[in-house]
Protein backbone atom coordinates (compact mmCIF):
# COMPACT_ATOMS: atom_id res chain seq x y z
CA MET A 1 79.13 112.19 98.01
CA LYS A 2 81.55 112.30 94.83
CA ILE A 3 84.49 110.08 94.61
CA ILE A 4 87.25 109.61 91.54
CA MET A 5 89.58 106.37 92.03
CA LEU A 6 93.00 106.96 91.14
CA GLY A 7 95.76 103.99 90.84
CA ALA A 8 98.18 102.80 88.43
CA PRO A 9 96.84 99.49 86.54
CA GLY A 10 96.79 96.73 88.29
CA ALA A 11 95.94 98.82 91.64
CA GLY A 12 92.66 97.54 91.99
CA LYS A 13 90.99 100.54 92.05
CA GLY A 14 88.15 99.06 89.80
CA THR A 15 87.18 96.27 92.65
CA GLN A 16 87.61 99.33 95.40
CA ALA A 17 85.33 101.22 93.10
CA LYS A 18 82.76 98.22 92.83
CA MET A 19 82.74 98.01 96.61
CA ILE A 20 82.50 101.28 97.24
CA ALA A 21 79.61 101.55 94.92
CA ASP A 22 77.57 98.92 96.77
CA LYS A 23 78.23 99.91 100.27
CA TYR A 24 76.93 104.01 99.98
CA SER A 25 74.13 102.88 97.44
CA VAL A 26 75.76 104.89 94.86
CA PRO A 27 76.32 104.49 91.35
CA HIS A 28 79.80 103.10 89.62
CA VAL A 29 80.59 104.81 86.73
CA SER A 30 82.95 103.44 84.81
CA THR A 31 83.63 105.83 81.62
CA GLY A 32 84.37 102.55 79.21
CA ASP A 33 80.53 101.19 80.13
CA ILE A 34 79.03 104.51 79.82
CA PHE A 35 81.02 104.86 75.74
CA ARG A 36 79.46 101.50 74.76
CA ALA A 37 75.70 102.33 76.65
CA ASN A 38 75.82 105.09 75.04
CA ILE A 39 76.48 103.42 71.76
CA LYS A 40 74.50 101.11 71.83
CA ASN A 41 71.25 103.34 72.19
CA GLY A 42 72.31 105.53 69.57
CA THR A 43 72.55 108.49 71.51
CA GLU A 44 73.80 112.18 69.93
CA LEU A 45 76.66 111.94 71.99
CA GLY A 46 77.76 108.51 71.66
CA MET A 47 77.65 108.89 68.05
CA GLU A 48 79.88 111.35 67.98
CA ALA A 49 81.81 109.34 69.87
CA LYS A 50 82.15 107.10 67.65
CA LYS A 51 82.74 108.75 64.84
CA TYR A 52 86.72 109.35 66.86
CA MET A 53 86.63 105.86 67.67
CA ASP A 54 86.47 104.67 64.74
CA GLN A 55 88.94 106.52 63.11
CA GLY A 56 91.37 105.29 65.72
CA LEU A 57 91.16 108.82 67.63
CA LEU A 58 90.85 109.70 71.42
CA VAL A 59 87.62 111.56 71.99
CA PRO A 60 88.19 114.72 72.40
CA ASP A 61 88.19 115.39 76.20
CA GLU A 62 85.24 117.76 76.02
CA LEU A 63 83.16 115.14 74.70
CA THR A 64 84.29 112.91 77.38
CA VAL A 65 83.07 115.38 79.95
CA LYS A 66 79.77 115.81 78.45
CA ILE A 67 78.74 112.59 78.16
CA LEU A 68 79.86 112.21 81.65
CA LEU A 69 78.27 114.96 82.80
CA ASP A 70 74.48 112.98 81.03
CA ARG A 71 75.55 109.93 83.23
CA VAL A 72 75.71 111.65 86.21
CA ALA A 73 72.77 113.69 85.32
CA GLN A 74 70.59 111.27 86.34
CA ASP A 75 68.37 110.58 89.36
CA ASP A 76 70.44 107.08 90.72
CA CYS A 77 73.40 110.01 90.81
CA LYS A 78 71.26 112.15 92.90
CA ASN A 79 73.10 111.31 95.83
CA GLY A 80 76.56 111.03 94.40
CA TYR A 81 78.74 108.58 92.03
CA VAL A 82 82.43 106.87 91.85
CA LEU A 83 84.10 107.60 89.13
CA ASP A 84 86.42 105.34 87.95
CA GLY A 85 88.86 105.53 84.95
CA PHE A 86 88.39 109.64 84.53
CA PRO A 87 89.74 111.66 84.53
CA ARG A 88 93.55 110.25 83.43
CA THR A 89 94.92 113.47 82.58
CA ILE A 90 94.89 116.87 84.18
CA PRO A 91 93.20 118.84 80.88
CA GLN A 92 90.68 115.73 81.56
CA ALA A 93 90.49 117.33 85.60
CA GLU A 94 90.85 120.49 84.79
CA VAL A 95 87.07 120.26 82.16
CA LEU A 96 84.98 118.14 84.81
CA ASP A 97 86.13 120.67 87.57
CA LYS A 98 84.72 123.58 85.73
CA ALA A 99 81.86 121.75 84.21
CA LEU A 100 80.71 120.59 87.67
CA SER A 101 82.19 123.79 89.43
CA GLU A 102 79.20 125.99 86.88
CA LEU A 103 76.47 123.34 88.88
CA GLY A 104 77.54 123.76 91.65
CA GLU A 105 78.82 120.63 92.77
CA LYS A 106 82.59 120.03 93.23
CA ILE A 107 84.65 115.81 94.08
CA ASP A 108 84.33 115.75 97.55
CA PHE A 109 87.27 113.23 97.68
CA ALA A 110 89.81 111.55 94.82
CA ILE A 111 91.36 108.22 96.35
CA ASP A 112 94.56 107.38 95.54
CA VAL A 113 94.84 102.91 95.38
CA ASN A 114 99.25 103.30 96.02
CA VAL A 115 100.84 99.93 95.01
CA PRO A 116 104.36 99.86 93.72
CA ASP A 117 105.57 99.66 89.84
CA GLU A 118 107.35 96.16 91.27
CA ASN A 119 104.34 94.83 93.51
CA ILE A 120 101.97 95.17 90.29
CA ILE A 121 104.30 94.22 87.39
CA ASN A 122 104.46 90.51 89.89
CA ARG A 123 100.69 90.84 90.10
CA MET A 124 99.80 90.74 87.30
CA SER A 125 102.73 88.70 85.15
CA GLY A 126 100.96 86.27 87.48
CA ARG A 127 97.90 86.00 86.33
CA ARG A 128 96.49 83.01 84.13
CA ALA A 129 93.19 82.93 82.24
CA CYS A 130 91.31 80.07 80.15
CA LEU A 131 90.99 81.39 76.88
CA ALA A 132 88.02 78.18 76.44
CA CYS A 133 85.81 79.06 79.37
CA GLY A 134 87.26 82.92 80.43
CA ALA A 135 88.12 81.76 84.42
CA THR A 136 91.02 83.23 85.71
CA TYR A 137 93.82 81.92 88.08
CA HIS A 138 96.64 83.65 89.88
CA ILE A 139 99.91 81.62 90.31
CA GLU A 140 100.80 82.40 94.11
CA HIS A 141 97.33 83.90 95.09
CA VAL A 142 94.75 81.75 93.12
CA PRO A 143 96.35 78.78 91.57
CA PRO A 144 95.10 76.28 89.46
CA THR A 145 94.30 71.88 91.30
CA GLN A 146 97.09 70.82 88.44
CA GLU A 147 99.67 73.58 86.98
CA GLY A 148 98.78 75.45 84.01
CA ILE A 149 95.07 73.54 83.48
CA CYS A 150 92.24 74.90 84.05
CA ASP A 151 89.81 74.13 86.70
CA ARG A 152 86.73 74.62 85.00
CA CYS A 153 87.03 73.33 81.67
CA GLY A 154 90.46 71.54 81.69
CA LYS A 155 91.97 73.40 78.86
CA GLU A 156 95.50 75.13 78.73
CA LEU A 157 95.87 78.30 80.86
CA VAL A 158 97.67 81.09 79.26
CA LEU A 159 99.39 84.35 80.43
CA ARG A 160 97.75 87.29 78.04
CA ASP A 161 99.27 89.94 76.04
CA ASP A 162 97.87 92.22 78.90
CA ASP A 163 100.12 90.93 81.47
CA LYS A 164 103.36 90.52 80.67
CA PRO A 165 106.25 92.28 82.56
CA GLU A 166 107.27 94.70 79.04
CA THR A 167 103.71 95.60 78.56
CA VAL A 168 102.49 96.63 82.06
CA LYS A 169 105.74 98.43 82.49
CA ASN A 170 104.55 100.20 79.51
CA ARG A 171 101.17 100.85 80.26
CA LEU A 172 102.39 101.69 84.11
CA GLU A 173 105.07 104.45 81.91
CA ILE A 174 101.84 106.56 80.20
CA TYR A 175 100.52 106.16 83.98
CA HIS A 176 102.80 108.33 85.71
CA GLU A 177 103.20 110.41 82.93
CA GLN A 178 99.81 111.20 82.20
CA THR A 179 98.04 109.69 85.37
CA GLN A 180 100.20 110.69 88.52
CA PRO A 181 100.13 114.71 87.85
CA LEU A 182 96.69 114.36 89.04
CA ILE A 183 97.21 113.33 92.70
CA ASP A 184 99.57 116.99 92.45
CA PHE A 185 96.06 118.30 90.81
CA TYR A 186 93.81 116.88 94.01
CA THR A 187 96.28 117.35 96.60
CA GLU A 188 96.14 120.91 95.90
CA LYS A 189 92.23 120.77 96.22
CA GLY A 190 92.27 119.26 99.09
CA VAL A 191 90.36 116.37 98.11
CA LEU A 192 93.58 113.74 97.79
CA LYS A 193 93.38 110.70 100.14
CA THR A 194 95.58 107.50 99.49
CA VAL A 195 95.33 103.98 100.77
CA ASP A 196 98.55 101.08 100.42
CA GLY A 197 96.82 98.97 98.19
CA THR A 198 99.25 96.65 98.78
CA VAL A 199 97.67 94.61 102.18
CA ASP A 200 94.46 92.99 101.24
CA MET A 201 91.29 93.66 99.36
CA LYS A 202 89.13 94.01 102.44
CA GLU A 203 91.89 95.88 104.60
CA VAL A 204 91.97 98.02 101.10
CA PHE A 205 88.27 99.21 101.51
CA ASN A 206 88.42 99.28 105.83
CA ALA A 207 91.27 102.46 105.11
CA ILE A 208 88.66 103.68 102.08
CA VAL A 209 85.48 103.76 104.76
CA GLU A 210 87.42 105.22 107.73
CA ILE A 211 88.19 108.22 104.79
CA LEU A 212 84.37 108.50 104.04
CA GLY A 213 83.36 107.60 107.28
CA GLU A 214 80.18 105.41 107.98
């Protein structure tokens, strides 16, 4: 079972990807993790990717797919995997599609965790973080006992720059421009499934399990 997770930043697709991986005993393959592992281990592909990253450049799609295919060729992926963070654009999806078809493989499901922009902005701008100990809260859903103060270490909680409404709006604009077309791409392939990401996390997961089967 080869699955791609789609959804805007803050839609909760990473959380769902981990839960799918646990339930179906397949790896959760995050492109960020693969890059870090290859660079840390000094692999040929990792060193090639590092050259671009050190210059502040995006790693070319072909190289990213090579690193990804190298990861999914490992034994733990023989029963499938959940891709999180790739593809992000149509060219990446096309390169991945071509590479998989050459191996006689294909993506089985592209799951879109659908959450309206307004919900995401509210969800992310409600987050608060403790820079001292790393604890995270949400002013509505997981509030600290004392407003603005970390329960764990007593230090001040802050709204991170990444979670500020204007930053979230910018990230969502980039998402709609680059990644939204993937929904059409995978719809045409007949593998796209959409779930409502505004409901409780467990309900989202139950909807995904219904799609994938027990």
